[in-house]
Each structure stands twice: as C-alpha cells, then as structure tokens.
Amino acid sequence: MKRVVLLGGGHAHALLLLQWARRPTAGVQLYLVSPQPHSLYSGSVPGWLAGRCGAEALQIDLVSLCCAAGVRWLQVEAVALDAPAKQLQLAPGEQLPFDLLSINTGSTLSPPAHPGPLLTLRPLNALVQAWPRWLADWRRGHGAANLDMVGGGAAGVEVLLAVLA
C-alpha cells in the first residue's frame, strides 16, 4: 500500500479530498496532516468582507471531507521534513513515513513598512479576527479614515471593492 501524505488543508488538498471521496485509487492510503479541523477558503473572503455572507462561509470542514473520503486525518503540526528519508516529523515527536508528500499549507506574508494601521489578508485566520474589530472601530469613528492597498491583480481589486462595500 502506497502512503500519500497531504500536509495542510489548502484548496488543492480540499479538492483532492472531495475527488477522492468520489473515486479513490486502490492501493493508496491518504493521510491529511493539519493542526486545524477547518481550513479557510480565500475565494469567499470578498463576500465576507462586503458583508454578504458570514464567517462560516469561509470554512472548509476538513474532518468531514476526510471521513467521506476514507482519508486518515491527523490533527497535529508538522515540525520538520526529512525529504531524502521520506519522513515527516510531527509535533509530538512522531515520524510519519510517506511515499509521496504534497504540501499545501497556505501563504503568509511579511507586511511592508507602513506608517498607519495595516490590515493584512494573510494569514487568513488573522484577517478573520482583525476585520470585525477594524470595521467596528471605523463605524464608531475610531478607526482609520483611509485604507491603503498594497498589491494588485484581479484578487486585489476584488478585495478592495469588497472592503469599500
């Protein structure tokens, strides 16, 4: 039996779990390693920022996907990778061997130096906590009067329009 380890519950892995539930491959055992039982779907962020849906619309239920797909879910953080030995070291000190490893842990960023308040989109968990406070302060007249945008492209414009809404 081949052991395939999915590290992280990002979009690609969530889609793979959904497809695996519909059509598993014989001779392969999948594992999902994620410290969180839910992942956040960035495609729903603009709708949430604009107030068109609640924060629950951002949630991808990794545990349910794993159960439906017959995938072994390990709620643990990976702390090291030994690629030549094909071993993933988990937080409690355990080793998880693999034949194939896929990494989809999401992105983070180092925000640029900025003189005023800064609302970052990554990591998404931080945004989900910060945005309601930022918006509540702004509505009470205590928040920033201006919001600067760093970045661009279609997703950046979509987020900016959602924030303006």
Protein backbone atom coordinates (compact mmCIF):
# COMPACT_ATOMS: atom_id res chain seq x y z
CA MET A 1 0.00 0.00 0.00
CA LYS A 2 1.40 3.39 -1.01
CA ARG A 3 1.24 6.12 1.61
CA VAL A 4 0.45 9.62 0.35
CA VAL A 5 0.63 12.42 2.91
CA LEU A 6 -1.16 15.71 2.35
CA LEU A 7 0.42 18.37 4.53
CA GLY A 8 -2.03 21.20 5.14
CA GLY A 9 -5.67 21.72 4.30
CA GLY A 10 -5.37 24.24 1.48
CA HIS A 11 -7.66 24.49 -1.55
CA ALA A 12 -5.84 21.90 -3.64
CA HIS A 13 -5.97 19.32 -0.86
CA ALA A 14 -9.63 20.05 -0.08
CA LEU A 15 -10.48 19.49 -3.75
CA LEU A 16 -8.40 16.31 -3.81
CA LEU A 17 -10.31 15.01 -0.77
CA LEU A 18 -13.62 15.72 -2.48
CA GLN A 19 -12.50 13.94 -5.65
CA TRP A 20 -11.03 11.06 -3.64
CA ALA A 21 -14.39 10.56 -1.90
CA ARG A 22 -15.98 10.16 -5.33
CA ARG A 23 -13.26 7.97 -6.82
CA PRO A 24 -10.50 6.60 -4.58
CA THR A 25 -7.44 4.90 -6.03
CA ALA A 26 -6.85 1.30 -4.98
CA GLY A 27 -3.56 0.58 -3.27
CA VAL A 28 -3.15 4.11 -1.89
CA GLN A 29 -3.75 5.30 1.67
CA LEU A 30 -4.11 9.06 2.06
CA TYR A 31 -3.27 10.98 5.23
CA LEU A 32 -4.10 14.63 5.89
CA VAL A 33 -1.88 16.39 8.43
CA SER A 34 -3.36 19.66 9.70
CA PRO A 35 -3.36 21.26 13.15
CA GLN A 36 -6.83 22.69 12.47
CA PRO A 37 -10.06 20.80 11.68
CA HIS A 38 -11.10 23.59 9.32
CA SER A 39 -9.40 25.48 6.56
CA LEU A 40 -10.40 28.91 5.30
CA TYR A 41 -11.41 29.34 1.67
CA SER A 42 -9.94 32.58 0.32
CA GLY A 43 -12.39 32.64 -2.59
CA SER A 44 -15.17 33.53 -0.13
CA VAL A 45 -13.21 36.35 1.55
CA PRO A 46 -14.52 39.18 -0.68
CA GLY A 47 -18.14 38.21 0.01
CA TRP A 48 -17.45 38.07 3.73
CA LEU A 49 -15.58 41.40 3.74
CA ALA A 50 -18.51 43.01 1.90
CA GLY A 51 -20.95 41.61 4.48
CA ARG A 52 -22.73 39.36 2.01
CA CYS A 53 -22.05 36.16 3.98
CA GLY A 54 -20.98 35.14 7.46
CA ALA A 55 -17.59 33.81 8.51
CA GLU A 56 -18.97 30.27 8.35
CA ALA A 57 -18.95 30.58 4.54
CA LEU A 58 -15.14 30.69 4.74
CA GLN A 59 -14.89 27.32 6.49
CA ILE A 60 -13.85 24.10 4.77
CA ASP A 61 -14.61 21.17 7.08
CA LEU A 62 -11.50 19.02 6.67
CA VAL A 63 -12.66 16.36 9.12
CA SER A 64 -15.90 15.70 7.23
CA LEU A 65 -14.05 15.60 3.93
CA CYS A 66 -11.56 13.11 5.34
CA CYS A 67 -14.34 10.93 6.75
CA ALA A 68 -16.22 10.94 3.44
CA ALA A 69 -13.06 10.08 1.52
CA GLY A 70 -11.72 7.42 3.89
CA VAL A 71 -8.64 9.56 4.49
CA ARG A 72 -6.78 9.41 7.80
CA TRP A 73 -6.80 12.84 9.43
CA LEU A 74 -4.03 13.69 11.87
CA GLN A 75 -4.70 16.83 13.91
CA VAL A 76 -1.10 17.74 14.52
CA GLU A 77 1.52 20.20 13.38
CA ALA A 78 4.42 19.08 11.23
CA VAL A 79 7.72 20.47 12.53
CA ALA A 80 10.37 19.05 10.19
CA LEU A 81 10.81 17.25 6.91
CA ASP A 82 13.49 14.73 6.02
CA ALA A 83 12.92 14.53 2.28
CA PRO A 84 15.70 12.01 1.47
CA ALA A 85 14.37 9.62 4.15
CA LYS A 86 10.74 10.37 3.18
CA GLN A 87 9.81 11.16 6.77
CA LEU A 88 7.65 13.95 8.17
CA GLN A 89 8.32 14.80 11.81
CA LEU A 90 5.18 15.63 13.76
CA ALA A 91 4.91 17.89 16.82
CA PRO A 92 4.68 15.14 19.43
CA GLY A 93 8.00 13.75 18.14
CA GLU A 94 6.48 11.06 15.95
CA GLN A 95 7.67 10.30 12.44
CA LEU A 96 5.23 9.82 9.57
CA PRO A 97 6.79 7.97 6.64
CA PHE A 98 5.48 8.64 3.14
CA ASP A 99 5.90 7.51 -0.43
CA LEU A 100 4.63 10.83 -1.76
CA LEU A 101 4.21 14.16 0.03
CA SER A 102 2.10 17.10 -1.11
CA ILE A 103 2.43 20.43 0.72
CA ASN A 104 -0.49 22.87 0.66
CA THR A 105 -0.23 24.88 3.86
CA GLY A 106 -1.33 28.30 2.63
CA SER A 107 0.61 31.50 2.44
CA THR A 108 1.80 34.10 4.87
CA LEU A 109 3.47 37.41 4.26
CA SER A 110 5.76 39.94 5.80
CA PRO A 111 3.84 43.19 5.62
CA PRO A 112 5.65 46.20 4.19
CA ALA A 113 6.66 49.06 6.46
CA HIS A 114 3.65 51.32 6.74
CA PRO A 115 3.11 54.43 8.87
CA GLY A 116 -0.55 53.82 9.66
CA PRO A 117 -2.84 50.93 10.55
CA LEU A 118 -2.37 47.86 8.40
CA LEU A 119 -4.92 45.16 7.64
CA THR A 120 -3.27 42.13 6.03
CA LEU A 121 -5.03 39.34 4.16
CA ARG A 122 -2.55 36.64 5.14
CA PRO A 123 -2.72 34.59 7.14
CA LEU A 124 -6.49 34.33 6.73
CA ASN A 125 -7.06 33.37 10.38
CA ALA A 126 -5.60 36.70 11.46
CA LEU A 127 -7.80 38.57 8.96
CA VAL A 128 -10.94 36.83 10.24
CA GLN A 129 -10.11 38.05 13.74
CA ALA A 130 -8.93 41.55 12.79
CA TRP A 131 -11.53 42.65 10.22
CA PRO A 132 -14.60 42.73 12.52
CA ARG A 133 -12.69 44.81 15.09
CA TRP A 134 -11.32 47.13 12.39
CA LEU A 135 -14.78 47.60 10.89
CA ALA A 136 -16.44 48.17 14.29
CA ASP A 137 -13.84 50.81 15.19
CA TRP A 138 -14.33 52.51 11.83
CA ARG A 139 -18.13 52.57 12.26
CA ARG A 140 -17.73 54.21 15.70
CA GLY A 141 -15.43 56.82 14.20
CA HIS A 142 -12.36 55.46 16.00
CA GLY A 143 -10.77 53.68 13.07
CA ALA A 144 -8.59 54.82 10.24
CA ALA A 145 -10.24 57.23 7.81
CA ASN A 146 -8.15 55.89 4.93
CA LEU A 147 -7.18 52.43 3.87
CA ASP A 148 -4.12 51.90 1.69
CA MET A 149 -3.93 48.90 -0.59
CA VAL A 150 -0.70 47.12 -1.34
CA GLY A 151 -0.80 44.70 -4.23
CA GLY A 152 -2.98 44.36 -7.22
CA GLY A 153 -4.27 41.96 -9.77
CA ALA A 154 -7.80 40.66 -10.01
CA ALA A 155 -7.95 39.30 -6.44
CA GLY A 156 -6.58 42.54 -5.00
CA VAL A 157 -9.13 44.64 -6.86
CA GLU A 158 -11.92 42.28 -5.77
CA VAL A 159 -10.86 42.58 -2.12
CA LEU A 160 -10.59 46.37 -2.37
CA LEU A 161 -14.11 46.63 -3.83
CA ALA A 162 -15.42 44.33 -1.08
CA VAL A 163 -13.83 46.49 1.61
CA LEU A 164 -15.31 49.61 0.03
CA ALA A 165 -18.75 47.96 0.08
